[in-house]
């Protein structure tokens, strides 16, 4: 059983997005990776396609 990692990041866009994609995809080889995140206008429309299929994305709504 793999250990679980949860990242809580600000709205994905710019540097945070680039960093978390690289980090999560690499760690997904050894861990169950979960990312809680928000969306902003700088978030690429196809952002989910950048992540390995084993990375679990949890969208947090900004109301």
N, C-alpha and C. Protein backbone atom coordinates (compact mmCIF):
# COMPACT_ATOMS: atom_id res chain seq x y z
N UNK A 1 0.84 -1.18 0.00
CA UNK A 1 0.00 0.00 0.00
C UNK A 1 0.89 1.25 0.00
N UNK A 2 0.59 2.18 -0.90
CA UNK A 2 1.37 3.42 -1.00
C UNK A 2 0.95 4.41 0.08
N UNK A 3 1.91 5.19 0.54
CA UNK A 3 1.58 6.30 1.43
C UNK A 3 0.88 7.37 0.62
N UNK A 4 0.04 8.17 1.30
CA UNK A 4 -0.74 9.21 0.64
C UNK A 4 -0.13 10.58 0.93
N UNK A 5 -0.11 11.43 -0.08
CA UNK A 5 0.33 12.81 0.06
C UNK A 5 -0.79 13.72 -0.39
N UNK A 6 -1.05 14.76 0.39
CA UNK A 6 -2.05 15.77 0.04
C UNK A 6 -1.36 17.11 -0.07
N UNK A 7 -1.49 17.76 -1.22
CA UNK A 7 -0.99 19.11 -1.43
C UNK A 7 -2.19 20.04 -1.48
N UNK A 8 -2.11 21.14 -0.75
CA UNK A 8 -3.14 22.18 -0.80
C UNK A 8 -2.45 23.39 -1.43
N UNK A 9 -2.89 23.76 -2.63
CA UNK A 9 -2.22 24.83 -3.36
C UNK A 9 -3.20 25.96 -3.67
N UNK A 10 -2.63 27.13 -3.89
CA UNK A 10 -3.47 28.26 -4.30
C UNK A 10 -4.03 27.96 -5.69
N UNK A 11 -4.85 28.83 -6.19
CA UNK A 11 -5.42 28.63 -7.52
C UNK A 11 -4.31 28.38 -8.53
N UNK A 12 -4.48 27.35 -9.33
CA UNK A 12 -3.43 26.96 -10.26
C UNK A 12 -3.34 27.92 -11.43
N UNK A 13 -2.16 28.42 -11.61
CA UNK A 13 -1.84 29.33 -12.70
C UNK A 13 -0.39 29.76 -12.55
N UNK A 14 0.27 30.02 -13.64
CA UNK A 14 1.65 30.50 -13.60
C UNK A 14 2.60 29.52 -12.96
N UNK A 15 3.45 30.02 -12.06
CA UNK A 15 4.51 29.22 -11.45
C UNK A 15 4.01 28.07 -10.60
N UNK A 16 2.96 28.29 -9.83
CA UNK A 16 2.43 27.22 -8.98
C UNK A 16 1.99 26.03 -9.84
N UNK A 17 1.32 26.31 -10.92
CA UNK A 17 0.84 25.24 -11.80
C UNK A 17 2.01 24.42 -12.35
N UNK A 18 3.00 25.11 -12.89
CA UNK A 18 4.16 24.43 -13.47
C UNK A 18 4.88 23.59 -12.42
N UNK A 19 5.06 24.14 -11.25
CA UNK A 19 5.77 23.43 -10.17
C UNK A 19 4.99 22.21 -9.70
N UNK A 20 3.69 22.37 -9.44
CA UNK A 20 2.91 21.26 -8.88
C UNK A 20 2.72 20.13 -9.89
N UNK A 21 2.65 20.44 -11.17
CA UNK A 21 2.54 19.40 -12.20
C UNK A 21 3.79 18.51 -12.16
N UNK A 22 4.96 19.13 -12.20
CA UNK A 22 6.21 18.37 -12.20
C UNK A 22 6.37 17.57 -10.91
N UNK A 23 6.11 18.19 -9.78
CA UNK A 23 6.27 17.53 -8.49
C UNK A 23 5.30 16.36 -8.34
N UNK A 24 4.02 16.59 -8.62
CA UNK A 24 3.00 15.56 -8.44
C UNK A 24 3.22 14.38 -9.38
N UNK A 25 3.56 14.65 -10.63
CA UNK A 25 3.77 13.56 -11.58
C UNK A 25 4.94 12.68 -11.18
N UNK A 26 5.99 13.27 -10.66
CA UNK A 26 7.14 12.48 -10.21
C UNK A 26 6.80 11.68 -8.95
N UNK A 27 6.14 12.32 -7.99
CA UNK A 27 5.80 11.63 -6.74
C UNK A 27 4.75 10.54 -6.94
N UNK A 28 3.93 10.66 -7.97
CA UNK A 28 2.87 9.66 -8.23
C UNK A 28 3.46 8.29 -8.55
N UNK A 29 4.74 8.23 -8.85
CA UNK A 29 5.40 6.95 -9.11
C UNK A 29 5.54 6.14 -7.82
N UNK A 30 5.60 6.83 -6.68
CA UNK A 30 5.83 6.14 -5.40
C UNK A 30 4.75 6.36 -4.35
N UNK A 31 3.89 7.36 -4.55
CA UNK A 31 2.87 7.72 -3.56
C UNK A 31 1.51 7.89 -4.22
N UNK A 32 0.44 7.82 -3.40
CA UNK A 32 -0.89 8.24 -3.83
C UNK A 32 -0.94 9.74 -3.62
N UNK A 33 -1.03 10.51 -4.69
CA UNK A 33 -0.95 11.97 -4.62
C UNK A 33 -2.34 12.58 -4.83
N UNK A 34 -2.69 13.49 -3.91
CA UNK A 34 -3.94 14.23 -3.98
C UNK A 34 -3.59 15.71 -3.97
N UNK A 35 -4.31 16.50 -4.79
CA UNK A 35 -4.09 17.94 -4.83
C UNK A 35 -5.42 18.65 -4.67
N UNK A 36 -5.53 19.47 -3.62
CA UNK A 36 -6.69 20.34 -3.43
C UNK A 36 -6.29 21.70 -3.99
N UNK A 37 -7.11 22.25 -4.88
CA UNK A 37 -6.72 23.46 -5.63
C UNK A 37 -7.94 24.29 -5.98
N UNK A 38 -7.68 25.51 -6.40
CA UNK A 38 -8.72 26.40 -6.93
C UNK A 38 -8.41 26.72 -8.39
N UNK A 39 -9.35 27.36 -9.04
CA UNK A 39 -9.23 27.76 -10.45
C UNK A 39 -9.21 29.29 -10.51
N UNK A 40 -8.41 29.83 -11.41
CA UNK A 40 -8.45 31.27 -11.70
C UNK A 40 -8.32 31.45 -13.20
N UNK A 41 -8.43 32.67 -13.68
CA UNK A 41 -8.44 32.88 -15.13
C UNK A 41 -7.13 32.47 -15.80
N UNK A 42 -6.02 32.41 -15.07
CA UNK A 42 -4.75 31.99 -15.65
C UNK A 42 -4.60 30.47 -15.73
N UNK A 43 -5.52 29.72 -15.15
CA UNK A 43 -5.45 28.26 -15.19
C UNK A 43 -5.74 27.79 -16.62
N UNK A 44 -4.84 27.00 -17.20
CA UNK A 44 -5.09 26.51 -18.57
C UNK A 44 -6.39 25.70 -18.62
N UNK A 45 -7.19 25.85 -19.68
CA UNK A 45 -8.46 25.12 -19.78
C UNK A 45 -8.27 23.60 -19.76
N UNK A 46 -7.15 23.12 -20.25
CA UNK A 46 -6.89 21.68 -20.30
C UNK A 46 -5.93 21.22 -19.20
N UNK A 47 -5.93 21.92 -18.05
CA UNK A 47 -4.96 21.67 -16.99
C UNK A 47 -4.92 20.22 -16.51
N UNK A 48 -6.05 19.54 -16.51
CA UNK A 48 -6.08 18.15 -16.01
C UNK A 48 -5.24 17.22 -16.87
N UNK A 49 -5.09 17.55 -18.13
CA UNK A 49 -4.32 16.69 -19.04
C UNK A 49 -2.82 16.72 -18.74
N UNK A 50 -2.36 17.70 -18.01
CA UNK A 50 -0.94 17.81 -17.66
C UNK A 50 -0.54 16.81 -16.57
N UNK A 51 -1.53 16.36 -15.79
CA UNK A 51 -1.25 15.49 -14.66
C UNK A 51 -1.30 14.01 -15.04
N UNK A 52 -0.44 13.23 -14.40
CA UNK A 52 -0.46 11.78 -14.53
C UNK A 52 -1.85 11.29 -14.12
N UNK A 53 -2.30 10.21 -14.73
CA UNK A 53 -3.65 9.69 -14.43
C UNK A 53 -3.78 9.22 -12.98
N UNK A 54 -2.66 9.02 -12.29
CA UNK A 54 -2.69 8.56 -10.90
C UNK A 54 -2.70 9.70 -9.88
N UNK A 55 -2.71 10.95 -10.35
CA UNK A 55 -2.81 12.10 -9.47
C UNK A 55 -4.29 12.43 -9.31
N UNK A 56 -4.75 12.52 -8.06
CA UNK A 56 -6.15 12.78 -7.76
C UNK A 56 -6.35 14.28 -7.54
N UNK A 57 -7.18 14.90 -8.37
CA UNK A 57 -7.42 16.34 -8.28
C UNK A 57 -8.73 16.63 -7.57
N UNK A 58 -8.67 17.53 -6.58
CA UNK A 58 -9.84 17.89 -5.78
C UNK A 58 -10.05 19.40 -5.91
N UNK A 59 -11.02 19.80 -6.72
CA UNK A 59 -11.26 21.23 -6.90
C UNK A 59 -11.98 21.82 -5.71
N UNK A 60 -11.46 22.95 -5.22
CA UNK A 60 -12.06 23.69 -4.12
C UNK A 60 -12.67 24.97 -4.72
N UNK A 61 -13.96 25.12 -4.57
CA UNK A 61 -14.66 26.28 -5.15
C UNK A 61 -14.43 27.52 -4.31
N UNK A 62 -14.20 28.64 -4.97
CA UNK A 62 -14.06 29.94 -4.31
C UNK A 62 -15.39 30.65 -4.46
N UNK A 63 -16.17 30.69 -3.44
CA UNK A 63 -17.49 31.34 -3.53
C UNK A 63 -17.44 32.70 -2.99
